[in-house]
Amino acid sequence: MGEGNTSAGLRVEKTMTLTRAEFATSLAALLGRPVAADGGPVRVALSEGVVVLSCEPLAAVRLGGLLELPRARVVLAFEGVPPDSRAAFLQRFDIAFQRGGG
């Protein structure tokens, strides 16, 4: 995960193994409303500030010649969100995007 400050706020970038459709499904679970799977940015108003989420497909990664995993760059751009609210949203984001496993 990468983080960086910009003049507009904080930007968090993650490389994740998911498709745009999986991104939309997990984001819908996080927000409690349907989200289009077209990959366009999604603006979410928080109690203070806004977070803009986007998903950009990357080249898939192949493991052992048999398994190919999709990859995407997911960016969360926070605008005017205080640190405590940002941390709480990131925690909810991580929980919504968790997958089963050991």
N, C-alpha and C. Protein backbone atom coordinates (compact mmCIF):
# COMPACT_ATOMS: atom_id res chain seq x y z
N MET A 1 0.85 -1.17 0.00
CA MET A 1 0.00 0.00 0.00
C MET A 1 0.89 1.23 0.00
N GLY A 2 0.55 2.20 -0.81
CA GLY A 2 1.30 3.43 -0.82
C GLY A 2 0.43 4.57 -0.36
N GLU A 3 1.03 5.53 0.31
CA GLU A 3 0.31 6.71 0.76
C GLU A 3 1.11 7.93 0.33
N GLY A 4 0.40 8.99 0.03
CA GLY A 4 1.07 10.23 -0.32
C GLY A 4 0.17 11.41 -0.07
N ASN A 5 0.74 12.50 0.34
CA ASN A 5 0.00 13.74 0.53
C ASN A 5 0.00 14.51 -0.78
N THR A 6 -1.15 15.09 -1.08
CA THR A 6 -1.25 15.98 -2.23
C THR A 6 -1.80 17.30 -1.72
N SER A 7 -1.86 18.29 -2.57
CA SER A 7 -2.39 19.58 -2.13
C SER A 7 -3.86 19.45 -1.76
N ALA A 8 -4.57 18.46 -2.32
CA ALA A 8 -6.00 18.30 -2.05
C ALA A 8 -6.26 17.38 -0.86
N GLY A 9 -5.27 16.64 -0.40
CA GLY A 9 -5.50 15.72 0.70
C GLY A 9 -4.53 14.57 0.67
N LEU A 10 -5.00 13.41 1.08
CA LEU A 10 -4.16 12.22 1.13
C LEU A 10 -4.62 11.21 0.10
N ARG A 11 -3.68 10.53 -0.51
CA ARG A 11 -3.97 9.53 -1.54
C ARG A 11 -3.38 8.20 -1.07
N VAL A 12 -4.21 7.15 -1.05
CA VAL A 12 -3.78 5.81 -0.69
C VAL A 12 -3.94 4.95 -1.92
N GLU A 13 -2.87 4.24 -2.28
CA GLU A 13 -2.86 3.40 -3.48
C GLU A 13 -2.57 1.97 -3.07
N LYS A 14 -3.39 1.03 -3.57
CA LYS A 14 -3.22 -0.38 -3.26
C LYS A 14 -3.21 -1.17 -4.56
N THR A 15 -2.35 -2.19 -4.64
CA THR A 15 -2.41 -3.14 -5.73
C THR A 15 -3.13 -4.36 -5.18
N MET A 16 -4.26 -4.70 -5.81
CA MET A 16 -5.12 -5.76 -5.29
C MET A 16 -5.39 -6.80 -6.37
N THR A 17 -5.68 -8.03 -5.95
CA THR A 17 -6.03 -9.08 -6.90
C THR A 17 -7.56 -9.13 -7.00
N LEU A 18 -8.09 -8.33 -7.93
CA LEU A 18 -9.52 -8.31 -8.18
C LEU A 18 -9.82 -7.72 -9.54
N THR A 19 -11.03 -8.00 -10.02
CA THR A 19 -11.51 -7.44 -11.28
C THR A 19 -12.35 -6.20 -10.97
N ARG A 20 -12.74 -5.47 -12.01
CA ARG A 20 -13.62 -4.31 -11.79
C ARG A 20 -14.95 -4.75 -11.19
N ALA A 21 -15.46 -5.90 -11.64
CA ALA A 21 -16.73 -6.40 -11.10
C ALA A 21 -16.59 -6.74 -9.62
N GLU A 22 -15.49 -7.35 -9.22
CA GLU A 22 -15.25 -7.67 -7.81
C GLU A 22 -15.09 -6.39 -7.00
N PHE A 23 -14.43 -5.40 -7.58
CA PHE A 23 -14.29 -4.10 -6.92
C PHE A 23 -15.66 -3.51 -6.66
N ALA A 24 -16.53 -3.52 -7.67
CA ALA A 24 -17.87 -2.96 -7.53
C ALA A 24 -18.69 -3.70 -6.48
N THR A 25 -18.57 -5.03 -6.45
CA THR A 25 -19.30 -5.84 -5.46
C THR A 25 -18.86 -5.52 -4.04
N SER A 26 -17.55 -5.47 -3.82
CA SER A 26 -17.03 -5.17 -2.48
C SER A 26 -17.33 -3.73 -2.07
N LEU A 27 -17.25 -2.82 -3.04
CA LEU A 27 -17.55 -1.42 -2.74
C LEU A 27 -19.03 -1.25 -2.40
N ALA A 28 -19.90 -1.98 -3.09
CA ALA A 28 -21.33 -1.94 -2.77
C ALA A 28 -21.59 -2.43 -1.35
N ALA A 29 -20.86 -3.48 -0.93
CA ALA A 29 -20.99 -3.98 0.44
C ALA A 29 -20.54 -2.92 1.44
N LEU A 30 -19.46 -2.22 1.12
CA LEU A 30 -18.95 -1.17 2.00
C LEU A 30 -19.92 -0.01 2.12
N LEU A 31 -20.50 0.40 0.99
CA LEU A 31 -21.34 1.59 0.96
C LEU A 31 -22.81 1.31 1.23
N GLY A 32 -23.22 0.04 1.10
CA GLY A 32 -24.62 -0.29 1.29
C GLY A 32 -25.51 0.14 0.15
N ARG A 33 -24.92 0.26 -1.04
CA ARG A 33 -25.69 0.63 -2.24
C ARG A 33 -24.99 0.08 -3.46
N PRO A 34 -25.73 -0.14 -4.55
CA PRO A 34 -25.10 -0.66 -5.77
C PRO A 34 -24.07 0.32 -6.34
N VAL A 35 -23.05 -0.24 -6.98
CA VAL A 35 -22.00 0.56 -7.61
C VAL A 35 -21.78 0.01 -9.01
N ALA A 36 -21.70 0.88 -10.01
CA ALA A 36 -21.46 0.45 -11.38
C ALA A 36 -20.09 -0.19 -11.51
N ALA A 37 -20.01 -1.24 -12.32
CA ALA A 37 -18.74 -1.96 -12.50
C ALA A 37 -17.96 -1.42 -13.69
N ASP A 38 -18.21 -0.18 -14.09
CA ASP A 38 -17.53 0.39 -15.26
C ASP A 38 -16.14 0.92 -14.96
N GLY A 39 -15.76 0.92 -13.69
CA GLY A 39 -14.42 1.36 -13.32
C GLY A 39 -14.28 2.85 -13.12
N GLY A 40 -15.36 3.60 -13.33
CA GLY A 40 -15.29 5.04 -13.13
C GLY A 40 -15.13 5.37 -11.66
N PRO A 41 -14.60 6.54 -11.34
CA PRO A 41 -14.41 6.92 -9.95
C PRO A 41 -15.75 7.03 -9.21
N VAL A 42 -15.72 6.69 -7.94
CA VAL A 42 -16.90 6.76 -7.09
C VAL A 42 -16.59 7.75 -5.97
N ARG A 43 -17.41 8.80 -5.87
CA ARG A 43 -17.25 9.82 -4.82
C ARG A 43 -18.15 9.46 -3.65
N VAL A 44 -17.58 9.46 -2.45
CA VAL A 44 -18.33 9.13 -1.25
C VAL A 44 -18.19 10.29 -0.27
N ALA A 45 -19.33 10.88 0.08
CA ALA A 45 -19.32 11.95 1.06
C ALA A 45 -19.27 11.33 2.45
N LEU A 46 -18.32 11.77 3.26
CA LEU A 46 -18.20 11.32 4.64
C LEU A 46 -18.73 12.44 5.53
N SER A 47 -18.77 12.19 6.83
CA SER A 47 -19.28 13.24 7.73
C SER A 47 -18.44 14.51 7.59
N GLU A 48 -17.14 14.33 7.34
CA GLU A 48 -16.25 15.46 7.05
C GLU A 48 -15.44 15.09 5.82
N GLY A 49 -15.63 15.79 4.73
CA GLY A 49 -14.84 15.57 3.54
C GLY A 49 -15.41 14.50 2.62
N VAL A 50 -14.59 14.14 1.65
CA VAL A 50 -14.98 13.21 0.58
C VAL A 50 -13.83 12.26 0.32
N VAL A 51 -14.17 11.02 -0.06
CA VAL A 51 -13.17 10.08 -0.56
C VAL A 51 -13.60 9.68 -1.96
N VAL A 52 -12.64 9.69 -2.89
CA VAL A 52 -12.89 9.28 -4.27
C VAL A 52 -12.14 7.97 -4.49
N LEU A 53 -12.88 6.92 -4.87
CA LEU A 53 -12.30 5.60 -5.07
C LEU A 53 -12.29 5.27 -6.55
N SER A 54 -11.19 4.72 -7.03
CA SER A 54 -11.11 4.30 -8.42
C SER A 54 -10.36 2.98 -8.53
N CYS A 55 -10.62 2.27 -9.63
CA CYS A 55 -10.04 0.96 -9.87
C CYS A 55 -9.53 0.91 -11.30
N GLU A 56 -8.23 0.68 -11.45
CA GLU A 56 -7.60 0.62 -12.77
C GLU A 56 -7.00 -0.78 -12.97
N PRO A 57 -7.52 -1.55 -13.95
CA PRO A 57 -6.96 -2.88 -14.19
C PRO A 57 -5.48 -2.82 -14.56
N LEU A 58 -4.73 -3.79 -14.06
CA LEU A 58 -3.32 -3.96 -14.40
C LEU A 58 -3.16 -5.31 -15.08
N ALA A 59 -1.99 -5.57 -15.60
CA ALA A 59 -1.73 -6.87 -16.21
C ALA A 59 -1.88 -7.96 -15.15
N ALA A 60 -2.49 -9.07 -15.53
CA ALA A 60 -2.67 -10.20 -14.62
C ALA A 60 -1.30 -10.79 -14.29
N VAL A 61 -1.25 -11.50 -13.18
CA VAL A 61 -0.03 -12.18 -12.79
C VAL A 61 -0.29 -13.69 -12.91
N ARG A 62 0.68 -14.40 -13.46
CA ARG A 62 0.56 -15.85 -13.64
C ARG A 62 1.46 -16.54 -12.62
N LEU A 63 0.88 -17.52 -11.94
CA LEU A 63 1.61 -18.28 -10.93
C LEU A 63 1.76 -19.73 -11.40
N GLY A 64 2.98 -20.16 -11.56
CA GLY A 64 3.25 -21.55 -11.91
C GLY A 64 2.72 -21.99 -13.26
N GLY A 65 2.36 -21.09 -14.11
CA GLY A 65 1.89 -21.45 -15.43
C GLY A 65 0.44 -21.92 -15.47
N LEU A 66 -0.16 -22.19 -14.33
CA LEU A 66 -1.53 -22.71 -14.31
C LEU A 66 -2.55 -21.71 -13.79
N LEU A 67 -2.13 -20.85 -12.92
CA LEU A 67 -3.06 -19.94 -12.26
C LEU A 67 -2.77 -18.50 -12.66
N GLU A 68 -3.80 -17.81 -13.12
CA GLU A 68 -3.65 -16.41 -13.47
C GLU A 68 -4.57 -15.59 -12.57
N LEU A 69 -4.01 -14.59 -11.93
CA LEU A 69 -4.77 -13.74 -11.02
C LEU A 69 -4.91 -12.34 -11.60
N PRO A 70 -6.15 -11.79 -11.56
CA PRO A 70 -6.32 -10.41 -12.02
C PRO A 70 -5.68 -9.46 -11.01
N ARG A 71 -5.26 -8.30 -11.50
CA ARG A 71 -4.70 -7.28 -10.61
C ARG A 71 -5.30 -5.94 -10.98
N ALA A 72 -5.36 -5.08 -9.99
CA ALA A 72 -5.85 -3.73 -10.22
C ALA A 72 -5.18 -2.77 -9.25
N ARG A 73 -5.04 -1.55 -9.70
CA ARG A 73 -4.58 -0.46 -8.82
C ARG A 73 -5.84 0.23 -8.30
N VAL A 74 -6.00 0.22 -7.00
CA VAL A 74 -7.14 0.87 -6.36
C VAL A 74 -6.62 2.10 -5.65
N VAL A 75 -7.23 3.24 -5.94
CA VAL A 75 -6.80 4.51 -5.35
C VAL A 75 -7.94 5.08 -4.52
N LEU A 76 -7.61 5.48 -3.31
CA LEU A 76 -8.54 6.19 -2.43
C LEU A 76 -7.96 7.58 -2.23
N ALA A 77 -8.62 8.58 -2.75
CA ALA A 77 -8.15 9.96 -2.63
C ALA A 77 -9.06 10.70 -1.64
N PHE A 78 -8.48 11.06 -0.50
CA PHE A 78 -9.23 11.73 0.55
C PHE A 78 -9.10 13.24 0.39
N GLU A 79 -10.24 13.92 0.49
CA GLU A 79 -10.27 15.38 0.37
C GLU A 79 -10.95 15.95 1.61
N GLY A 80 -10.18 16.63 2.44
CA GLY A 80 -10.75 17.27 3.62
C GLY A 80 -11.23 16.30 4.69
N VAL A 81 -10.65 15.11 4.74
CA VAL A 81 -11.05 14.10 5.73
C VAL A 81 -10.01 14.09 6.86
N PRO A 82 -10.45 14.31 8.10
CA PRO A 82 -9.50 14.31 9.22
C PRO A 82 -8.89 12.92 9.43
N PRO A 83 -7.70 12.87 10.03
CA PRO A 83 -6.99 11.59 10.20
C PRO A 83 -7.81 10.48 10.86
N ASP A 84 -8.57 10.79 11.91
CA ASP A 84 -9.36 9.75 12.58
C ASP A 84 -10.43 9.18 11.67
N SER A 85 -11.12 10.04 10.93
CA SER A 85 -12.16 9.58 10.00
C SER A 85 -11.54 8.80 8.85
N ARG A 86 -10.38 9.23 8.39
CA ARG A 86 -9.66 8.54 7.31
C ARG A 86 -9.27 7.13 7.77
N ALA A 87 -8.74 7.00 8.97
CA ALA A 87 -8.34 5.69 9.51
C ALA A 87 -9.55 4.78 9.66
N ALA A 88 -10.66 5.32 10.13
CA ALA A 88 -11.88 4.53 10.29
C ALA A 88 -12.40 4.04 8.93
N PHE A 89 -12.37 4.91 7.93
CA PHE A 89 -12.83 4.51 6.59
C PHE A 89 -11.91 3.44 6.01
N LEU A 90 -10.61 3.61 6.16
CA LEU A 90 -9.67 2.61 5.64
C LEU A 90 -9.86 1.26 6.31
N GLN A 91 -10.17 1.26 7.60
CA GLN A 91 -10.43 0.00 8.30
C GLN A 91 -11.69 -0.67 7.74
N ARG A 92 -12.75 0.10 7.54
CA ARG A 92 -13.99 -0.45 6.96
C ARG A 92 -13.74 -0.94 5.54
N PHE A 93 -12.93 -0.20 4.77
CA PHE A 93 -12.58 -0.60 3.40
C PHE A 93 -11.87 -1.95 3.43
N ASP A 94 -10.87 -2.10 4.28
CA ASP A 94 -10.11 -3.34 4.36
C ASP A 94 -11.00 -4.52 4.73
N ILE A 95 -11.93 -4.31 5.65
CA ILE A 95 -12.85 -5.39 6.05
C ILE A 95 -13.78 -5.75 4.88
N ALA A 96 -14.31 -4.78 4.18
CA ALA A 96 -15.23 -5.03 3.06
C ALA A 96 -14.53 -5.75 1.91
N PHE A 97 -13.22 -5.54 1.77
CA PHE A 97 -12.49 -6.14 0.65
C PHE A 97 -11.76 -7.42 1.04
N GLN A 98 -11.92 -7.88 2.29
CA GLN A 98 -11.29 -9.14 2.69
C GLN A 98 -11.93 -10.31 1.95
N ARG A 99 -11.14 -11.35 1.76
CA ARG A 99 -11.66 -12.56 1.15
C ARG A 99 -11.39 -13.71 2.08
N GLY A 100 -12.10 -14.79 1.87
CA GLY A 100 -11.89 -15.99 2.69
C GLY A 100 -10.48 -16.54 2.47
N GLY A 101 -10.03 -17.30 3.39
CA GLY A 101 -8.69 -17.88 3.27
C GLY A 101 -8.15 -18.21 4.64
N GLY A 102 -6.93 -18.72 4.62
CA GLY A 102 -6.36 -19.16 5.88
C GLY A 102 -5.33 -18.22 6.41
